[in-house]
Every structure is written in structure tokens, then in C-alpha cells.
Amino acid sequence: MEFRIISLPPFKAASSGVDKHFDFSPEGVLGKFDIYFSAMNLSDRDRFLPRDFLYYDEEQQGMVWIWALSEDMDDGGNEVIHFDGGYFLTYSYKDGDEETNGKLYKEALKYIESSDFLELDIRPNHYPMGHIITPAEIIQAQGWAQMETFIPIKLKSQ
């Protein structure tokens, strides 16, 4: 498998907060957050980069969903956090195919561990995360979505 290495800039983000119940229902923490950002009417300027990322907070033992805010976006009353940005190794797979995801994740970790210049950069609020990269209209037409996983990395210390 070939992996992409990208850079995400630091940004302010609205956050769902930690959900230890993984509740994506309309009444749940993650479901309400999905409703919040899905209702946004984005300008063309804000449609280019992934804006939402979902990750497991290892310290607080729950899922967190964040939405990258631009200066004129409403935070919807959600907590606003600072995301550090950084380098990420990425791969994609069919959303829901956890067997393939697990295989690719192990391959990615092996790739990073064997690298002469990369190492993991997992720390508080800087965890592996995912983002659905398939546009909603395509998901509806084909019946499935593609997920991209972002694994935080950094250059090895000299």
C-alpha cells in the first residue's frame, strides 16, 4: 500500500466534546453535532478541504467530532478548541469495512516504524482520525462512502 503524507494547518474548531457512548442518533452527542455542521450553508471558499474529523480521545475514552471553523462560521454553541495541525499519513477504504481498515492501519504503523525519518505524533488532542471523503450525492447514488484515515506523524528528532 502506498500512503499519502499531508500537512494540515492549525485551526479553530467546534467540538462535540467527548462521547463515551458513541451515540450517532439524533438525540446523542455525536448525532446532534452532525446535525449542527450538516446544516451549514458553506461558501465556495469553505468547500475545498475536509472540515470535519472524528477521533477517539484515548485519555477521556470517548469519540470526539470536530468541525474546522473559518472566521465567519457559527460555532453553534459548541466548545471551541484549537487544533495544532501537523503532518499526517493517510489512507482510504470503504467506510464500515473494519477488516480492511485494521489491515491498512497495521501496514501504516509498520511503514512509520520502519521509516528513517518519520515517527508517530500521538498526544492529547492529536490522535488518529477519520473523515468521509465522498460527497453526499455520490454516497446516495452508490450506496456507500469512502473513509480517509489520518495518522499523526512528525519528523524524527535529530
N, C-alpha and C. Protein backbone atom coordinates (compact mmCIF):
# COMPACT_ATOMS: atom_id res chain seq x y z
N MET A 1 0.86 -1.19 0.00
CA MET A 1 0.00 0.00 0.00
C MET A 1 0.89 1.23 0.00
N GLU A 2 0.54 2.18 -0.83
CA GLU A 2 1.22 3.47 -0.80
C GLU A 2 0.38 4.43 0.02
N PHE A 3 1.04 5.21 0.83
CA PHE A 3 0.38 6.15 1.71
C PHE A 3 0.65 7.57 1.24
N ARG A 4 -0.27 8.46 1.55
CA ARG A 4 -0.07 9.89 1.31
C ARG A 4 0.42 10.51 2.59
N ILE A 5 1.28 11.50 2.48
CA ILE A 5 1.68 12.30 3.64
C ILE A 5 1.25 13.73 3.34
N ILE A 6 0.44 14.29 4.23
CA ILE A 6 -0.10 15.62 4.03
C ILE A 6 0.19 16.49 5.25
N SER A 7 -0.06 17.76 5.10
CA SER A 7 0.05 18.71 6.20
C SER A 7 -1.29 19.40 6.39
N LEU A 8 -1.76 19.43 7.63
CA LEU A 8 -2.96 20.20 7.96
C LEU A 8 -2.52 21.40 8.78
N PRO A 9 -3.04 22.58 8.46
CA PRO A 9 -2.66 23.77 9.23
C PRO A 9 -3.35 23.78 10.59
N PRO A 10 -2.82 24.54 11.54
CA PRO A 10 -3.56 24.73 12.80
C PRO A 10 -4.88 25.44 12.51
N PHE A 11 -5.90 25.13 13.31
CA PHE A 11 -7.19 25.81 13.10
C PHE A 11 -8.02 25.77 14.38
N LYS A 12 -8.99 26.68 14.45
CA LYS A 12 -10.01 26.64 15.50
C LYS A 12 -11.10 25.69 15.04
N ALA A 13 -11.68 24.97 15.99
CA ALA A 13 -12.72 24.01 15.62
C ALA A 13 -13.82 23.98 16.66
N ALA A 14 -15.04 23.82 16.19
CA ALA A 14 -16.14 23.49 17.09
C ALA A 14 -15.97 22.02 17.42
N SER A 15 -16.26 21.65 18.66
CA SER A 15 -16.09 20.27 19.11
C SER A 15 -17.37 19.72 19.71
N SER A 16 -17.64 18.46 19.42
CA SER A 16 -18.79 17.79 20.01
C SER A 16 -18.57 17.55 21.50
N GLY A 17 -17.32 17.58 21.92
CA GLY A 17 -16.98 17.11 23.25
C GLY A 17 -16.88 15.59 23.20
N VAL A 18 -16.46 14.99 24.28
CA VAL A 18 -16.25 13.55 24.33
C VAL A 18 -17.59 12.82 24.51
N ASP A 19 -17.81 11.81 23.68
CA ASP A 19 -19.00 10.97 23.80
C ASP A 19 -18.55 9.54 24.10
N LYS A 20 -18.71 9.12 25.33
CA LYS A 20 -18.30 7.78 25.75
C LYS A 20 -19.30 6.71 25.31
N HIS A 21 -20.45 7.15 24.77
CA HIS A 21 -21.49 6.21 24.36
C HIS A 21 -21.52 5.98 22.85
N PHE A 22 -20.69 6.73 22.09
CA PHE A 22 -20.60 6.57 20.63
C PHE A 22 -21.98 6.71 19.99
N ASP A 23 -22.75 7.70 20.44
CA ASP A 23 -24.16 7.84 20.06
C ASP A 23 -24.34 8.79 18.88
N PHE A 24 -24.58 8.19 17.70
CA PHE A 24 -24.79 8.97 16.49
C PHE A 24 -26.28 9.22 16.22
N SER A 25 -27.15 8.82 17.15
CA SER A 25 -28.59 9.06 16.97
C SER A 25 -28.85 10.57 17.05
N PRO A 26 -29.99 11.04 16.54
CA PRO A 26 -30.27 12.47 16.58
C PRO A 26 -30.29 13.07 17.99
N GLU A 27 -30.50 12.24 19.00
CA GLU A 27 -30.52 12.71 20.39
C GLU A 27 -29.14 12.63 21.05
N GLY A 28 -28.22 11.91 20.43
CA GLY A 28 -26.90 11.69 21.01
C GLY A 28 -25.95 12.85 20.77
N VAL A 29 -24.87 12.87 21.51
CA VAL A 29 -23.85 13.93 21.39
C VAL A 29 -23.33 14.01 19.96
N LEU A 30 -22.94 12.89 19.39
CA LEU A 30 -22.38 12.90 18.03
C LEU A 30 -23.45 13.17 16.99
N GLY A 31 -24.65 12.65 17.20
CA GLY A 31 -25.76 12.92 16.28
C GLY A 31 -26.13 14.38 16.24
N LYS A 32 -26.19 15.02 17.40
CA LYS A 32 -26.50 16.46 17.46
C LYS A 32 -25.41 17.28 16.77
N PHE A 33 -24.17 16.84 16.94
CA PHE A 33 -23.06 17.57 16.30
C PHE A 33 -23.13 17.42 14.79
N ASP A 34 -23.47 16.24 14.31
CA ASP A 34 -23.65 16.01 12.88
C ASP A 34 -24.74 16.92 12.33
N ILE A 35 -25.85 17.02 13.04
CA ILE A 35 -26.95 17.90 12.62
C ILE A 35 -26.47 19.35 12.55
N TYR A 36 -25.67 19.78 13.55
CA TYR A 36 -25.15 21.15 13.59
C TYR A 36 -24.36 21.47 12.33
N PHE A 37 -23.32 20.68 12.03
CA PHE A 37 -22.47 21.09 10.91
C PHE A 37 -23.06 20.72 9.55
N SER A 38 -23.92 19.71 9.50
CA SER A 38 -24.54 19.34 8.23
C SER A 38 -25.52 20.40 7.74
N ALA A 39 -26.04 21.21 8.66
CA ALA A 39 -27.00 22.26 8.29
C ALA A 39 -26.32 23.53 7.78
N MET A 40 -25.00 23.59 7.85
CA MET A 40 -24.29 24.81 7.41
C MET A 40 -24.39 24.99 5.91
N ASN A 41 -24.60 26.21 5.50
CA ASN A 41 -24.58 26.58 4.10
C ASN A 41 -23.21 27.17 3.82
N LEU A 42 -22.30 26.37 3.27
CA LEU A 42 -20.91 26.78 3.10
C LEU A 42 -20.70 27.62 1.86
N SER A 43 -19.80 28.57 1.97
CA SER A 43 -19.39 29.33 0.79
C SER A 43 -18.45 28.44 -0.03
N ASP A 44 -18.26 28.79 -1.28
CA ASP A 44 -17.35 28.01 -2.13
C ASP A 44 -15.95 27.95 -1.51
N ARG A 45 -15.54 29.01 -0.85
CA ARG A 45 -14.21 29.07 -0.22
C ARG A 45 -14.04 27.97 0.82
N ASP A 46 -15.12 27.59 1.48
CA ASP A 46 -15.03 26.64 2.58
C ASP A 46 -15.32 25.19 2.17
N ARG A 47 -15.47 24.93 0.89
CA ARG A 47 -15.80 23.58 0.43
C ARG A 47 -14.58 22.77 0.00
N PHE A 48 -13.38 23.35 0.02
CA PHE A 48 -12.23 22.68 -0.56
C PHE A 48 -11.56 21.64 0.33
N LEU A 49 -11.41 21.90 1.59
CA LEU A 49 -10.68 21.00 2.48
C LEU A 49 -11.63 20.22 3.37
N PRO A 50 -11.21 19.06 3.86
CA PRO A 50 -12.06 18.42 4.86
C PRO A 50 -12.23 19.36 6.05
N ARG A 51 -13.44 19.46 6.57
CA ARG A 51 -13.71 20.35 7.69
C ARG A 51 -14.04 19.56 8.96
N ASP A 52 -14.50 18.33 8.80
CA ASP A 52 -14.87 17.57 9.99
C ASP A 52 -13.98 16.34 10.13
N PHE A 53 -13.61 16.07 11.37
CA PHE A 53 -12.76 14.93 11.68
C PHE A 53 -13.31 14.26 12.94
N LEU A 54 -13.30 12.94 12.94
CA LEU A 54 -13.78 12.15 14.06
C LEU A 54 -12.61 11.36 14.61
N TYR A 55 -12.44 11.39 15.93
CA TYR A 55 -11.33 10.63 16.53
C TYR A 55 -11.71 10.10 17.90
N TYR A 56 -10.94 9.12 18.34
CA TYR A 56 -11.12 8.54 19.66
C TYR A 56 -10.12 9.20 20.60
N ASP A 57 -10.63 9.86 21.65
CA ASP A 57 -9.79 10.50 22.65
C ASP A 57 -9.36 9.44 23.65
N GLU A 58 -8.10 9.04 23.59
CA GLU A 58 -7.60 7.95 24.43
C GLU A 58 -7.62 8.31 25.91
N GLU A 59 -7.37 9.57 26.23
CA GLU A 59 -7.35 9.98 27.63
C GLU A 59 -8.74 9.95 28.26
N GLN A 60 -9.73 10.47 27.51
CA GLN A 60 -11.08 10.56 28.05
C GLN A 60 -11.97 9.39 27.64
N GLN A 61 -11.42 8.47 26.83
CA GLN A 61 -12.10 7.23 26.47
C GLN A 61 -13.45 7.47 25.79
N GLY A 62 -13.44 8.31 24.76
CA GLY A 62 -14.67 8.55 24.02
C GLY A 62 -14.39 9.16 22.66
N MET A 63 -15.43 9.20 21.83
CA MET A 63 -15.32 9.79 20.49
C MET A 63 -15.51 11.30 20.56
N VAL A 64 -14.77 12.00 19.70
CA VAL A 64 -14.87 13.45 19.57
C VAL A 64 -15.00 13.77 18.08
N TRP A 65 -15.91 14.66 17.75
CA TRP A 65 -16.09 15.11 16.37
C TRP A 65 -15.78 16.60 16.36
N ILE A 66 -14.92 17.02 15.44
CA ILE A 66 -14.59 18.45 15.34
C ILE A 66 -14.93 18.97 13.95
N TRP A 67 -15.19 20.26 13.89
CA TRP A 67 -15.52 20.96 12.65
C TRP A 67 -14.62 22.19 12.56
N ALA A 68 -13.76 22.25 11.54
CA ALA A 68 -12.86 23.38 11.35
C ALA A 68 -13.66 24.64 11.04
N LEU A 69 -13.47 25.66 11.83
CA LEU A 69 -14.21 26.91 11.68
C LEU A 69 -13.39 27.93 10.90
N SER A 70 -14.04 28.66 10.02
CA SER A 70 -13.41 29.85 9.46
C SER A 70 -13.93 31.02 10.29
N GLU A 71 -13.34 32.19 10.09
CA GLU A 71 -13.63 33.33 10.97
C GLU A 71 -15.10 33.74 11.01
N ASP A 72 -15.88 33.44 9.98
CA ASP A 72 -17.27 33.88 9.96
C ASP A 72 -18.27 32.75 10.22
N MET A 73 -17.81 31.59 10.67
CA MET A 73 -18.72 30.47 10.94
C MET A 73 -19.20 30.49 12.38
N ASP A 74 -20.46 30.09 12.55
CA ASP A 74 -21.08 29.98 13.86
C ASP A 74 -20.64 28.67 14.51
N ASP A 75 -20.25 28.74 15.77
CA ASP A 75 -19.83 27.52 16.48
C ASP A 75 -21.02 26.73 17.01
N GLY A 76 -22.23 27.23 16.83
CA GLY A 76 -23.42 26.52 17.24
C GLY A 76 -23.53 26.30 18.74
N GLY A 77 -22.81 27.09 19.53
CA GLY A 77 -22.82 26.91 20.97
C GLY A 77 -21.93 25.77 21.45
N ASN A 78 -21.21 25.15 20.51
CA ASN A 78 -20.29 24.07 20.86
C ASN A 78 -19.00 24.64 21.43
N GLU A 79 -18.30 23.82 22.19
CA GLU A 79 -16.98 24.20 22.69
C GLU A 79 -16.07 24.48 21.49
N VAL A 80 -15.26 25.52 21.57
CA VAL A 80 -14.30 25.83 20.52
C VAL A 80 -12.92 25.45 21.02
N ILE A 81 -12.21 24.66 20.22
CA ILE A 81 -10.88 24.20 20.59
C ILE A 81 -9.86 24.66 19.56
N HIS A 82 -8.60 24.56 19.90
CA HIS A 82 -7.51 24.83 18.97
C HIS A 82 -6.93 23.48 18.55
N PHE A 83 -6.87 23.25 17.24
CA PHE A 83 -6.25 22.04 16.69
C PHE A 83 -4.86 22.41 16.21
N ASP A 84 -3.86 21.68 16.66
CA ASP A 84 -2.46 22.01 16.37
C ASP A 84 -2.05 21.86 14.91
N GLY A 85 -2.76 21.03 14.16
CA GLY A 85 -2.32 20.75 12.80
C GLY A 85 -1.11 19.83 12.83
N GLY A 86 -0.44 19.73 11.70
CA GLY A 86 0.77 18.91 11.62
C GLY A 86 0.74 17.99 10.41
N TYR A 87 1.68 17.05 10.42
CA TYR A 87 1.79 16.09 9.33
C TYR A 87 0.94 14.86 9.64
N PHE A 88 0.36 14.28 8.59
CA PHE A 88 -0.48 13.09 8.73
C PHE A 88 -0.21 12.14 7.58
N LEU A 89 -0.09 10.87 7.92
CA LEU A 89 -0.03 9.82 6.92
C LEU A 89 -1.48 9.37 6.72
N THR A 90 -1.93 9.28 5.48
CA THR A 90 -3.33 8.96 5.22
C THR A 90 -3.48 7.74 4.31
N TYR A 91 -4.63 7.11 4.45
CA TYR A 91 -5.06 6.05 3.54
C TYR A 91 -6.57 6.07 3.53
N SER A 92 -7.16 5.43 2.52
CA SER A 92 -8.62 5.40 2.45
C SER A 92 -9.12 3.98 2.24
N TYR A 93 -10.38 3.78 2.60
CA TYR A 93 -11.03 2.48 2.50
C TYR A 93 -12.54 2.70 2.49
N LYS A 94 -13.30 1.64 2.19
CA LYS A 94 -14.75 1.72 2.19
C LYS A 94 -15.23 1.84 3.64
N ASP A 95 -15.98 2.90 3.94
CA ASP A 95 -16.47 3.13 5.29
C ASP A 95 -17.25 1.92 5.78
N GLY A 96 -16.94 1.50 7.00
CA GLY A 96 -17.61 0.35 7.59
C GLY A 96 -16.84 -0.95 7.41
N ASP A 97 -15.85 -0.98 6.53
CA ASP A 97 -15.05 -2.19 6.32
C ASP A 97 -13.90 -2.19 7.32
N GLU A 98 -14.21 -2.59 8.54
CA GLU A 98 -13.23 -2.53 9.62
C GLU A 98 -12.10 -3.52 9.44
N GLU A 99 -12.34 -4.61 8.72
CA GLU A 99 -11.26 -5.56 8.46
C GLU A 99 -10.17 -4.91 7.60
N THR A 100 -10.58 -4.26 6.52
CA THR A 100 -9.61 -3.57 5.66
C THR A 100 -8.96 -2.41 6.41
N ASN A 101 -9.76 -1.66 7.17
CA ASN A 101 -9.20 -0.56 7.95
C ASN A 101 -8.12 -1.07 8.90
N GLY A 102 -8.40 -2.14 9.62
CA GLY A 102 -7.43 -2.69 10.55
C GLY A 102 -6.15 -3.13 9.86
N LYS A 103 -6.29 -3.76 8.72
CA LYS A 103 -5.11 -4.20 7.94
C LYS A 103 -4.28 -3.00 7.50
N LEU A 104 -4.97 -2.00 6.94
CA LEU A 104 -4.25 -0.81 6.47
C LEU A 104 -3.61 -0.04 7.62
N TYR A 105 -4.30 0.02 8.76
CA TYR A 105 -3.75 0.72 9.92
C TYR A 105 -2.45 0.04 10.38
N LYS A 106 -2.47 -1.28 10.44
CA LYS A 106 -1.25 -2.02 10.82
C LYS A 106 -0.13 -1.78 9.82
N GLU A 107 -0.46 -1.79 8.52
CA GLU A 107 0.54 -1.52 7.48
C GLU A 107 1.11 -0.11 7.64
N ALA A 108 0.25 0.85 7.94
CA ALA A 108 0.69 2.24 8.11
C ALA A 108 1.64 2.35 9.30
N LEU A 109 1.28 1.71 10.41
CA LEU A 109 2.15 1.77 11.59
C LEU A 109 3.50 1.12 11.30
N LYS A 110 3.49 0.00 10.58
CA LYS A 110 4.74 -0.67 10.21
C LYS A 110 5.58 0.24 9.31
N TYR A 111 4.93 0.90 8.38
CA TYR A 111 5.62 1.84 7.48
C TYR A 111 6.28 2.96 8.28
N ILE A 112 5.54 3.53 9.22
CA ILE A 112 6.08 4.62 10.04
C ILE A 112 7.23 4.12 10.91
N GLU A 113 7.05 2.96 11.55
CA GLU A 113 8.08 2.41 12.43
C GLU A 113 9.36 2.09 11.67
N SER A 114 9.25 1.69 10.42
CA SER A 114 10.45 1.33 9.65
C SER A 114 11.05 2.53 8.91
N SER A 115 10.41 3.68 9.01
CA SER A 115 10.89 4.88 8.33
C SER A 115 12.15 5.42 8.99
N ASP A 116 13.04 5.94 8.17
CA ASP A 116 14.26 6.58 8.68
C ASP A 116 14.00 8.01 9.14
N PHE A 117 12.84 8.57 8.76
CA PHE A 117 12.63 9.99 9.04
C PHE A 117 11.29 10.32 9.70
N LEU A 118 10.39 9.34 9.84
CA LEU A 118 9.07 9.60 10.43
C LEU A 118 8.91 8.86 11.75
N GLU A 119 8.06 9.44 12.62
CA GLU A 119 7.63 8.76 13.83
C GLU A 119 6.21 9.22 14.15
N LEU A 120 5.51 8.42 14.96
CA LEU A 120 4.16 8.79 15.37
C LEU A 120 4.18 10.08 16.17
N ASP A 121 3.11 10.84 16.06
CA ASP A 121 2.96 12.09 16.82
C ASP A 121 1.62 12.07 17.55
N ILE A 122 1.35 10.98 18.28
CA ILE A 122 0.11 10.85 19.03
C ILE A 122 0.32 11.46 20.41
N ARG A 123 -0.59 12.37 20.77
CA ARG A 123 -0.52 13.09 22.04
C ARG A 123 -1.92 13.61 22.35
N PRO A 124 -2.15 14.17 23.53
CA PRO A 124 -3.50 14.68 23.83
C PRO A 124 -4.02 15.61 22.73
N ASN A 125 -5.26 15.36 22.32
CA ASN A 125 -5.95 16.11 21.26
C ASN A 125 -5.25 16.03 19.91
N HIS A 126 -4.46 14.99 19.69
CA HIS A 126 -3.73 14.80 18.43
C HIS A 126 -3.66 13.30 18.14
N TYR A 127 -4.81 12.72 17.83
CA TYR A 127 -4.95 11.28 17.67
C TYR A 127 -5.23 10.93 16.21
N PRO A 128 -5.11 9.64 15.86
CA PRO A 128 -5.58 9.23 14.53
C PRO A 128 -7.06 9.61 14.40
N MET A 129 -7.44 10.03 13.20
CA MET A 129 -8.81 10.49 12.99
C MET A 129 -9.27 10.11 11.60
N GLY A 130 -10.57 10.22 11.37
CA GLY A 130 -11.12 9.86 10.08
C GLY A 130 -12.03 10.94 9.54
N HIS A 131 -12.23 10.87 8.23
CA HIS A 131 -13.10 11.83 7.54
C HIS A 131 -13.70 11.14 6.32
N ILE A 132 -15.01 11.25 6.15
CA ILE A 132 -15.69 10.74 4.95
C ILE A 132 -15.34 11.68 3.80
N ILE A 133 -14.73 11.14 2.75
CA ILE A 133 -14.29 11.99 1.64
C ILE A 133 -15.24 11.96 0.44
N THR A 134 -16.25 11.12 0.50
CA THR A 134 -17.20 11.00 -0.60
C THR A 134 -18.30 12.05 -0.46
N PRO A 135 -18.57 12.82 -1.52
CA PRO A 135 -19.67 13.79 -1.46
C PRO A 135 -21.01 13.10 -1.20
N ALA A 136 -21.89 13.78 -0.48
CA ALA A 136 -23.19 13.21 -0.09
C ALA A 136 -23.99 12.68 -1.28
N GLU A 137 -23.97 13.41 -2.39
CA GLU A 137 -24.74 12.99 -3.56
C GLU A 137 -24.20 11.67 -4.12
N ILE A 138 -22.90 11.48 -4.07
CA ILE A 138 -22.29 10.24 -4.56
C ILE A 138 -22.60 9.09 -3.61
N ILE A 139 -22.55 9.37 -2.30
CA ILE A 139 -22.90 8.33 -1.31
C ILE A 139 -24.32 7.84 -1.59
N GLN A 140 -25.22 8.76 -1.82
CA GLN A 140 -26.61 8.40 -2.06
C GLN A 140 -26.74 7.58 -3.35
N ALA A 141 -26.01 7.96 -4.39
CA ALA A 141 -26.11 7.26 -5.67
C ALA A 141 -25.49 5.87 -5.63
N GLN A 142 -24.31 5.73 -4.98
CA GLN A 142 -23.64 4.43 -4.99
C GLN A 142 -23.94 3.58 -3.76
N GLY A 143 -24.47 4.19 -2.72
CA GLY A 143 -24.87 3.44 -1.55
C GLY A 143 -23.78 3.20 -0.52
N TRP A 144 -22.62 3.83 -0.68
CA TRP A 144 -21.54 3.67 0.30
C TRP A 144 -20.60 4.87 0.23
N ALA A 145 -19.79 5.02 1.28
CA ALA A 145 -18.87 6.15 1.38
C ALA A 145 -17.44 5.65 1.53
N GLN A 146 -16.53 6.50 1.17
CA GLN A 146 -15.10 6.22 1.36
C GLN A 146 -14.61 7.03 2.55
N MET A 147 -13.90 6.36 3.44
CA MET A 147 -13.34 6.99 4.63
C MET A 147 -11.85 7.19 4.42
N GLU A 148 -11.33 8.34 4.85
CA GLU A 148 -9.88 8.57 4.86
C GLU A 148 -9.44 8.63 6.31
N THR A 149 -8.39 7.87 6.64
CA THR A 149 -7.82 7.87 7.97
C THR A 149 -6.57 8.74 7.97
N PHE A 150 -6.41 9.54 9.03
CA PHE A 150 -5.28 10.44 9.19
C PHE A 150 -4.51 10.01 10.45
N ILE A 151 -3.25 9.59 10.28
CA ILE A 151 -2.42 9.17 11.40
C ILE A 151 -1.38 10.26 11.63
N PRO A 152 -1.37 10.88 12.84
CA PRO A 152 -0.42 11.98 13.08
C PRO A 152 1.02 11.47 13.14
N ILE A 153 1.87 12.17 12.39
CA ILE A 153 3.29 11.83 12.32
C ILE A 153 4.13 13.10 12.46
N LYS A 154 5.40 12.93 12.69
CA LYS A 154 6.33 14.05 12.68
C LYS A 154 7.67 13.55 12.22
N LEU A 155 8.55 14.48 11.90
CA LEU A 155 9.91 14.12 11.54
C LEU A 155 10.63 13.66 12.79
N LYS A 156 11.45 12.63 12.66
CA LYS A 156 12.21 12.14 13.81
C LYS A 156 13.14 13.22 14.30
N SER A 157 13.31 13.25 15.60
CA SER A 157 14.24 14.21 16.19
C SER A 157 15.66 13.84 15.78
N GLN A 158 16.45 14.85 15.52
CA GLN A 158 17.85 14.62 15.11
C GLN A 158 18.71 14.26 16.28
